[in-house]
Amino acid sequence: MSKSRGSEEITERKRAEAALQESERQFHTLADSIPQLVWMAEKDGGIFWFNRQFESFAAISNRSYGCDWTVLLNPVEPDVLLRWKECIKVGTPLEIEITLRASDGRYVPFLTRIVPLCDSAGTVNRWIGTHIDISEQKNREQHTRLVVDELSHRTKNLLAVVMAVANQTARHATNVVEYKERFGERLKALAKCHDVLVRDNWQGASFRDLLAVQLEPFQETSKGQIDAIGPPIILTPEVVQYLSLAFHELATNASKHGALSADQGHVSIHWLHKRSETVCVHWHESGGPPVALPKRHGFGRVVVEKIVPQALNGVGALNFSPAGVNWTFEFPMQPRIIS
């Protein structure tokens, strides 16, 4: 080999080494700029480099100090280490969801990908591993599951209420026309209740808002005849649904036969915290036609006397005083809903 040819080969080798070093420098710069944890390992799996995100996550201060990423594994995931060792043995990539222990002791979920870097003959020279934080994705998935479960619960509960209303309305209706009219009115009352709950993200509704939507049709025709007084109280969605039915039935009866059917009639609705965990409601009618005990036990009475007290684990009393209908109802602030 001539001196000049040897010099050219040395120069070419230096250029190749410089190009390789520049390529690695660029890779390290790129890896340090992304949010994922990145490391590189020898063919036996021993890490010789990791990016700044990995350094920060694992609280490793010396970047030249090797780190076995498997020491960060959650002890409840023992099969991960076995799978990684098998990949090293056979030279296949690994993709898996795992949790790694952060420097503050938290276990963070990651999507982990480890791929072999092979030469032209297919021999594994190195490994490159990446860990993508999927905490936000997991939180969204959990939130979605909770929303779906809650929606399923609410739907079943609402359907149960609708079925009960349909059955009881049919039982007490004298003909199809009456059934259609009364069932339609009750569905509208439930729809208004649903609108209030949706407006407040289904977190519940205030007692005053519940009354406002249920009494709105009657307020329009009976201006100044209805008073509603009580402290701010937020009711659970289930309580809102059942109390909406009760107030709809009471107001409907008052408009047809009671205080709201007369110009001088008056309805007062009071509610209060009888104790910190108990709510007491009082519906009182006056100034209307003389009241007599109904001969027929209609659905409205079933709702007020049985369905609502049983559903909300409360105690109520409906009184047909000659001076006007009275209803008192007491229930726990966070009632045990009976399904």
Protein backbone atom coordinates (compact mmCIF):
# COMPACT_ATOMS: atom_id res chain seq x y z
CA MET A 1 0.00 0.00 0.00
CA SER A 2 1.41 3.37 -1.02
CA LYS A 3 1.95 6.10 1.52
CA SER A 4 -0.54 8.33 -0.23
CA ARG A 5 -3.23 5.63 -0.30
CA GLY A 6 -2.73 4.93 3.41
CA SER A 7 -3.03 8.63 4.15
CA GLU A 8 -6.29 8.80 2.18
CA GLU A 9 -7.73 5.85 4.11
CA ILE A 10 -6.83 7.46 7.42
CA THR A 11 -8.40 10.72 6.30
CA GLU A 12 -11.53 8.90 5.14
CA ARG A 13 -11.73 7.02 8.45
CA LYS A 14 -11.42 10.25 10.39
CA ARG A 15 -14.13 11.80 8.27
CA ALA A 16 -16.40 8.81 8.92
CA GLU A 17 -15.72 9.02 12.66
CA ALA A 18 -16.37 12.75 12.65
CA ALA A 19 -19.60 12.22 10.71
CA LEU A 20 -20.65 9.54 13.20
CA GLN A 21 -19.85 11.80 16.14
CA GLU A 22 -21.78 14.65 14.54
CA SER A 23 -24.72 12.31 13.88
CA GLU A 24 -24.72 11.16 17.50
CA ARG A 25 -24.44 14.75 18.69
CA GLN A 26 -27.44 15.70 16.60
CA PHE A 27 -29.36 12.68 17.88
CA HIS A 28 -28.55 13.59 21.49
CA THR A 29 -29.61 17.18 20.89
CA LEU A 30 -32.87 16.01 19.33
CA ALA A 31 -33.51 13.49 22.12
CA ASP A 32 -32.91 16.18 24.75
CA SER A 33 -35.48 18.46 23.11
CA ILE A 34 -38.44 16.05 23.16
CA PRO A 35 -40.68 15.35 26.19
CA GLN A 36 -40.21 11.56 26.09
CA LEU A 37 -37.71 9.64 28.17
CA VAL A 38 -35.00 8.26 25.85
CA TRP A 39 -32.02 6.03 26.47
CA MET A 40 -29.52 3.96 24.52
CA ALA A 41 -28.06 0.65 25.64
CA GLU A 42 -25.37 -1.80 24.58
CA LYS A 43 -26.41 -5.10 23.03
CA ASP A 44 -26.54 -6.69 26.50
CA GLY A 45 -29.08 -4.07 27.65
CA GLY A 46 -26.72 -1.93 29.74
CA ILE A 47 -27.59 1.77 29.31
CA PHE A 48 -24.71 4.03 28.33
CA TRP A 49 -26.68 7.20 27.54
CA PHE A 50 -30.00 8.79 28.48
CA ASN A 51 -31.60 12.15 27.69
CA ARG A 52 -32.24 15.03 30.06
CA GLN A 53 -35.88 14.06 30.59
CA PHE A 54 -34.83 10.62 31.81
CA GLU A 55 -32.19 12.25 33.98
CA SER A 56 -34.79 14.55 35.55
CA PHE A 57 -37.42 11.83 35.96
CA ALA A 58 -35.06 9.41 37.71
CA ALA A 59 -33.07 12.17 39.51
CA ILE A 60 -29.75 11.00 38.12
CA SER A 61 -27.19 13.78 38.40
CA ASN A 62 -24.23 12.26 36.53
CA ARG A 63 -25.03 11.72 32.84
CA SER A 64 -21.99 9.51 32.35
CA TYR A 65 -23.26 7.11 35.01
CA GLY A 66 -25.14 4.15 33.60
CA CYS A 67 -28.68 3.41 34.73
CA ASP A 68 -30.72 0.24 34.49
CA TRP A 69 -34.19 1.46 33.58
CA THR A 70 -35.71 -1.74 34.96
CA VAL A 71 -34.93 -0.64 38.55
CA LEU A 72 -37.71 1.93 38.06
CA LEU A 73 -40.30 -0.73 37.29
CA ASN A 74 -43.38 -1.14 39.45
CA PRO A 75 -42.94 -4.29 41.60
CA VAL A 76 -46.47 -5.38 40.69
CA GLU A 77 -45.38 -5.77 37.04
CA PRO A 78 -42.76 -8.56 37.27
CA ASP A 79 -43.43 -9.93 33.79
CA VAL A 80 -42.03 -6.76 32.16
CA LEU A 81 -38.46 -7.62 33.15
CA LEU A 82 -38.86 -11.17 31.83
CA ARG A 83 -40.13 -9.88 28.51
CA TRP A 84 -37.21 -7.45 28.22
CA LYS A 85 -34.66 -10.19 28.92
CA GLU A 86 -36.29 -12.35 26.26
CA CYS A 87 -36.05 -9.47 23.75
CA ILE A 88 -32.32 -9.11 24.49
CA LYS A 89 -31.88 -12.83 23.97
CA VAL A 90 -33.66 -13.08 20.61
CA GLY A 91 -33.17 -9.50 19.36
CA THR A 92 -36.82 -8.51 18.98
CA PRO A 93 -38.43 -5.14 19.80
CA LEU A 94 -40.62 -4.58 22.83
CA GLU A 95 -43.75 -2.42 23.05
CA ILE A 96 -45.67 -2.40 26.32
CA GLU A 97 -47.57 -0.16 28.74
CA ILE A 98 -45.80 0.02 32.09
CA THR A 99 -45.48 2.25 35.14
CA LEU A 100 -42.12 3.67 36.24
CA ARG A 101 -41.21 5.17 39.60
CA ALA A 102 -40.38 8.87 39.48
CA SER A 103 -37.83 10.49 41.77
CA ASP A 104 -40.65 11.67 44.07
CA GLY A 105 -41.99 8.12 44.49
CA ARG A 106 -44.95 8.42 42.12
CA TYR A 107 -45.60 5.65 39.62
CA VAL A 108 -46.26 7.15 36.20
CA PRO A 109 -47.82 5.21 33.29
CA PHE A 110 -45.74 5.08 30.11
CA LEU A 111 -46.03 3.58 26.66
CA THR A 112 -42.60 1.96 26.32
CA ARG A 113 -40.97 1.08 23.01
CA ILE A 114 -37.55 -0.56 22.81
CA VAL A 115 -36.08 -1.36 19.40
CA PRO A 116 -32.80 -3.04 18.40
CA LEU A 117 -30.27 -1.20 16.24
CA CYS A 118 -28.72 -3.78 13.91
CA ASP A 119 -25.82 -3.82 11.49
CA SER A 120 -26.09 -4.87 7.84
CA ALA A 121 -25.88 -8.51 8.86
CA GLY A 122 -28.81 -8.18 11.26
CA THR A 123 -26.72 -8.41 14.42
CA VAL A 124 -27.92 -6.29 17.32
CA ASN A 125 -25.35 -3.68 18.26
CA ARG A 126 -27.41 -1.39 20.46
CA TRP A 127 -30.87 -0.73 21.77
CA ILE A 128 -32.84 2.48 21.90
CA GLY A 129 -35.69 2.86 24.37
CA THR A 130 -38.40 5.50 24.63
CA HIS A 131 -41.01 6.03 27.34
CA ILE A 132 -44.03 8.21 26.45
CA ASP A 133 -45.98 9.57 29.41
CA ILE A 134 -49.62 8.52 28.96
CA SER A 135 -50.94 9.88 32.26
CA GLU A 136 -53.28 12.32 30.53
CA GLN A 137 -54.59 9.61 28.23
CA LYS A 138 -55.20 7.30 31.18
CA ASN A 139 -56.99 10.07 33.06
CA ARG A 140 -59.20 10.72 30.05
CA GLU A 141 -59.96 7.02 29.72
CA GLN A 142 -60.85 6.82 33.40
CA HIS A 143 -63.00 9.94 33.12
CA THR A 144 -64.74 8.48 30.07
CA ARG A 145 -65.44 5.25 31.92
CA LEU A 146 -66.86 7.20 34.87
CA VAL A 147 -69.02 9.30 32.55
CA VAL A 148 -70.31 6.22 30.73
CA ASP A 149 -71.06 4.45 34.01
CA GLU A 150 -72.79 7.53 35.40
CA LEU A 151 -74.75 8.03 32.18
CA SER A 152 -75.83 4.39 32.29
CA HIS A 153 -76.95 4.80 35.91
CA ARG A 154 -78.85 7.99 35.17
CA THR A 155 -80.47 6.53 32.07
CA LYS A 156 -81.63 3.44 33.93
CA ASN A 157 -82.93 5.59 36.77
CA LEU A 158 -84.76 7.92 34.40
CA LEU A 159 -86.26 5.00 32.46
CA ALA A 160 -87.41 3.45 35.72
CA VAL A 161 -89.14 6.71 36.64
CA VAL A 162 -90.73 6.97 33.18
CA MET A 163 -91.95 3.38 33.34
CA ALA A 164 -93.45 3.95 36.78
CA VAL A 165 -95.17 7.12 35.57
CA ALA A 166 -96.50 5.34 32.47
CA ASN A 167 -97.81 2.37 34.42
CA GLN A 168 -99.40 4.40 37.19
CA THR A 169 -100.91 6.89 34.73
CA ALA A 170 -102.47 4.03 32.78
CA ARG A 171 -103.78 2.45 35.98
CA HIS A 172 -105.58 5.62 37.04
CA ALA A 173 -106.73 6.92 33.64
CA THR A 174 -110.37 6.39 32.70
CA ASN A 175 -109.77 6.49 28.95
CA VAL A 176 -107.04 6.75 26.32
CA VAL A 177 -107.50 10.50 25.83
CA GLU A 178 -107.00 11.15 29.54
CA TYR A 179 -104.00 8.83 29.62
CA LYS A 180 -102.36 10.58 26.67
CA GLU A 181 -102.91 14.03 28.16
CA ARG A 182 -101.73 13.24 31.69
CA PHE A 183 -98.76 11.12 30.60
CA GLY A 184 -97.65 13.87 28.22
CA GLU A 185 -97.82 16.46 30.98
CA ARG A 186 -95.74 14.31 33.29
CA LEU A 187 -93.12 13.67 30.64
CA LYS A 188 -92.85 17.43 30.09
CA ALA A 189 -92.30 17.86 33.84
CA LEU A 190 -89.48 15.32 33.71
CA ALA A 191 -88.02 17.03 30.64
CA LYS A 192 -87.92 20.37 32.44
CA CYS A 193 -86.23 18.69 35.37
CA HIS A 194 -83.67 17.22 32.97
CA ASP A 195 -83.01 20.66 31.44
CA VAL A 196 -82.20 22.10 34.86
CA LEU A 197 -79.79 19.25 35.62
CA VAL A 198 -78.06 19.53 32.23
CA ARG A 199 -77.63 23.28 32.74
CA ASP A 200 -75.75 22.56 35.97
CA ASN A 201 -73.71 19.71 34.43
CA TRP A 202 -75.86 17.15 36.21
CA GLN A 203 -74.28 18.06 39.55
CA GLY A 204 -77.70 18.74 41.03
CA ALA A 205 -79.90 21.83 41.16
CA SER A 206 -81.06 24.38 43.69
CA PHE A 207 -84.44 23.99 45.35
CA ARG A 208 -85.49 27.36 43.95
CA ASP A 209 -84.55 26.46 40.35
CA LEU A 210 -86.44 23.17 40.66
CA LEU A 211 -89.58 25.02 41.75
CA ALA A 212 -89.14 27.72 39.10
CA VAL A 213 -89.25 25.32 36.16
CA GLN A 214 -92.07 23.17 37.56
CA LEU A 215 -94.29 26.09 38.54
CA GLU A 216 -93.57 28.25 35.50
CA PRO A 217 -96.73 27.19 33.56
CA PHE A 218 -98.89 27.87 36.61
CA GLN A 219 -97.18 31.16 37.47
CA GLU A 220 -98.08 32.48 34.02
CA THR A 221 -101.80 32.04 34.66
CA SER A 222 -101.73 32.71 38.41
CA LYS A 223 -99.54 35.78 38.81
CA GLY A 224 -98.86 36.63 42.42
CA GLN A 225 -100.67 33.57 43.76
CA ILE A 226 -97.58 31.49 44.48
CA ASP A 227 -94.91 32.29 47.06
CA ALA A 228 -91.74 30.24 47.45
CA ILE A 229 -89.49 30.95 50.43
CA GLY A 230 -86.48 29.05 51.69
CA PRO A 231 -82.69 29.05 52.06
CA PRO A 232 -80.26 28.11 49.25
CA ILE A 233 -80.17 24.32 49.04
CA ILE A 234 -78.51 22.22 46.34
CA LEU A 235 -80.30 18.93 45.72
CA THR A 236 -78.88 15.78 44.16
CA PRO A 237 -80.09 14.79 40.66
CA GLU A 238 -82.22 11.95 42.04
CA VAL A 239 -83.92 14.24 44.56
CA VAL A 240 -84.57 16.80 41.82
CA GLN A 241 -86.28 14.18 39.66
CA TYR A 242 -88.63 12.91 42.35
CA LEU A 243 -89.46 16.29 43.89
CA SER A 244 -90.17 17.62 40.41
CA LEU A 245 -92.85 14.95 40.01
CA ALA A 246 -94.36 15.79 43.38
CA PHE A 247 -94.52 19.54 42.74
CA HIS A 248 -95.93 18.98 39.27
CA GLU A 249 -98.76 16.85 40.68
CA LEU A 250 -99.50 19.30 43.49
CA ALA A 251 -99.52 22.30 41.15
CA THR A 252 -101.66 20.51 38.57
CA ASN A 253 -104.22 19.58 41.22
CA ALA A 254 -104.18 23.13 42.63
CA SER A 255 -104.82 24.61 39.17
CA LYS A 256 -107.73 22.27 38.45
CA HIS A 257 -109.39 21.83 41.81
CA GLY A 258 -107.52 23.81 44.48
CA ALA A 259 -106.20 27.26 45.31
CA LEU A 260 -104.94 28.14 41.83
CA SER A 261 -108.40 27.51 40.32
CA ALA A 262 -109.75 30.62 42.14
CA ASP A 263 -108.71 34.24 41.72
CA GLN A 264 -108.23 34.70 45.46
CA GLY A 265 -106.43 31.42 45.98
CA HIS A 266 -102.87 31.29 47.22
CA VAL A 267 -100.12 28.69 47.42
CA SER A 268 -97.13 29.07 49.74
CA ILE A 269 -94.14 26.77 49.56
CA HIS A 270 -91.61 26.85 52.38
CA TRP A 271 -88.50 24.75 52.80
CA LEU A 272 -85.77 24.79 55.41
CA HIS A 273 -82.97 22.87 57.08
CA LYS A 274 -84.73 21.31 60.01
CA ARG A 275 -81.35 19.97 60.95
CA SER A 276 -78.12 20.22 59.03
CA GLU A 277 -78.76 16.86 57.38
CA THR A 278 -82.53 17.11 56.92
CA VAL A 279 -84.75 19.17 54.62
CA CYS A 280 -88.36 19.94 55.48
CA VAL A 281 -90.85 21.05 52.80
CA HIS A 282 -94.29 22.54 53.37
CA TRP A 283 -96.89 23.09 50.62
CA HIS A 284 -99.90 25.09 51.83
CA GLU A 285 -102.99 26.15 49.86
CA SER A 286 -105.56 28.73 50.95
CA GLY A 287 -108.34 30.89 49.50
CA GLY A 288 -109.54 28.28 47.04
CA PRO A 289 -112.75 26.26 46.82
CA PRO A 290 -113.63 24.14 49.88
CA VAL A 291 -111.61 20.96 49.83
CA ALA A 292 -113.05 17.49 50.27
CA LEU A 293 -111.24 14.18 50.43
CA PRO A 294 -111.09 12.83 46.85
CA LYS A 295 -113.25 9.82 46.16
CA ARG A 296 -110.73 8.44 43.70
CA HIS A 297 -107.15 7.65 44.69
CA GLY A 298 -105.39 9.16 41.65
CA PHE A 299 -101.82 8.88 40.48
CA GLY A 300 -100.89 12.34 41.78
CA ARG A 301 -101.76 11.24 45.28
CA VAL A 302 -99.74 8.04 44.81
CA VAL A 303 -96.72 10.12 43.77
CA VAL A 304 -96.96 12.49 46.74
CA GLU A 305 -97.87 9.94 49.42
CA LYS A 306 -95.93 6.84 48.34
CA ILE A 307 -93.52 7.07 45.41
CA VAL A 308 -91.57 10.17 46.48
CA PRO A 309 -91.29 9.33 50.22
CA GLN A 310 -90.20 5.77 49.46
CA ALA A 311 -87.69 6.80 46.79
CA LEU A 312 -86.09 9.51 48.93
CA ASN A 313 -86.30 7.64 52.22
CA GLY A 314 -88.44 10.46 53.61
CA VAL A 315 -91.63 10.96 55.61
CA GLY A 316 -94.59 12.92 54.30
CA ALA A 317 -98.21 13.73 55.07
CA LEU A 318 -100.86 14.92 52.62
CA ASN A 319 -103.82 16.64 54.30
CA PHE A 320 -107.08 17.57 52.56
CA SER A 321 -108.19 20.30 54.96
CA PRO A 322 -111.41 22.12 53.94
CA ALA A 323 -109.40 25.36 53.88
CA GLY A 324 -106.86 23.96 51.43
CA VAL A 325 -104.50 21.10 50.63
CA ASN A 326 -101.39 20.80 52.81
CA TRP A 327 -98.34 18.64 52.22
CA THR A 328 -95.38 18.30 54.54
CA PHE A 329 -92.37 16.25 53.59
CA GLU A 330 -89.09 15.64 55.38
CA PHE A 331 -86.13 13.84 53.84
CA PRO A 332 -82.38 13.46 54.42
CA MET A 333 -80.14 15.96 52.64
CA GLN A 334 -78.19 13.11 51.05
CA PRO A 335 -80.92 10.48 50.90
CA ARG A 336 -80.38 6.82 50.23
CA ILE A 337 -82.11 6.40 46.89
CA ILE A 338 -84.16 3.22 46.81
CA SER A 339 -84.00 1.69 43.35
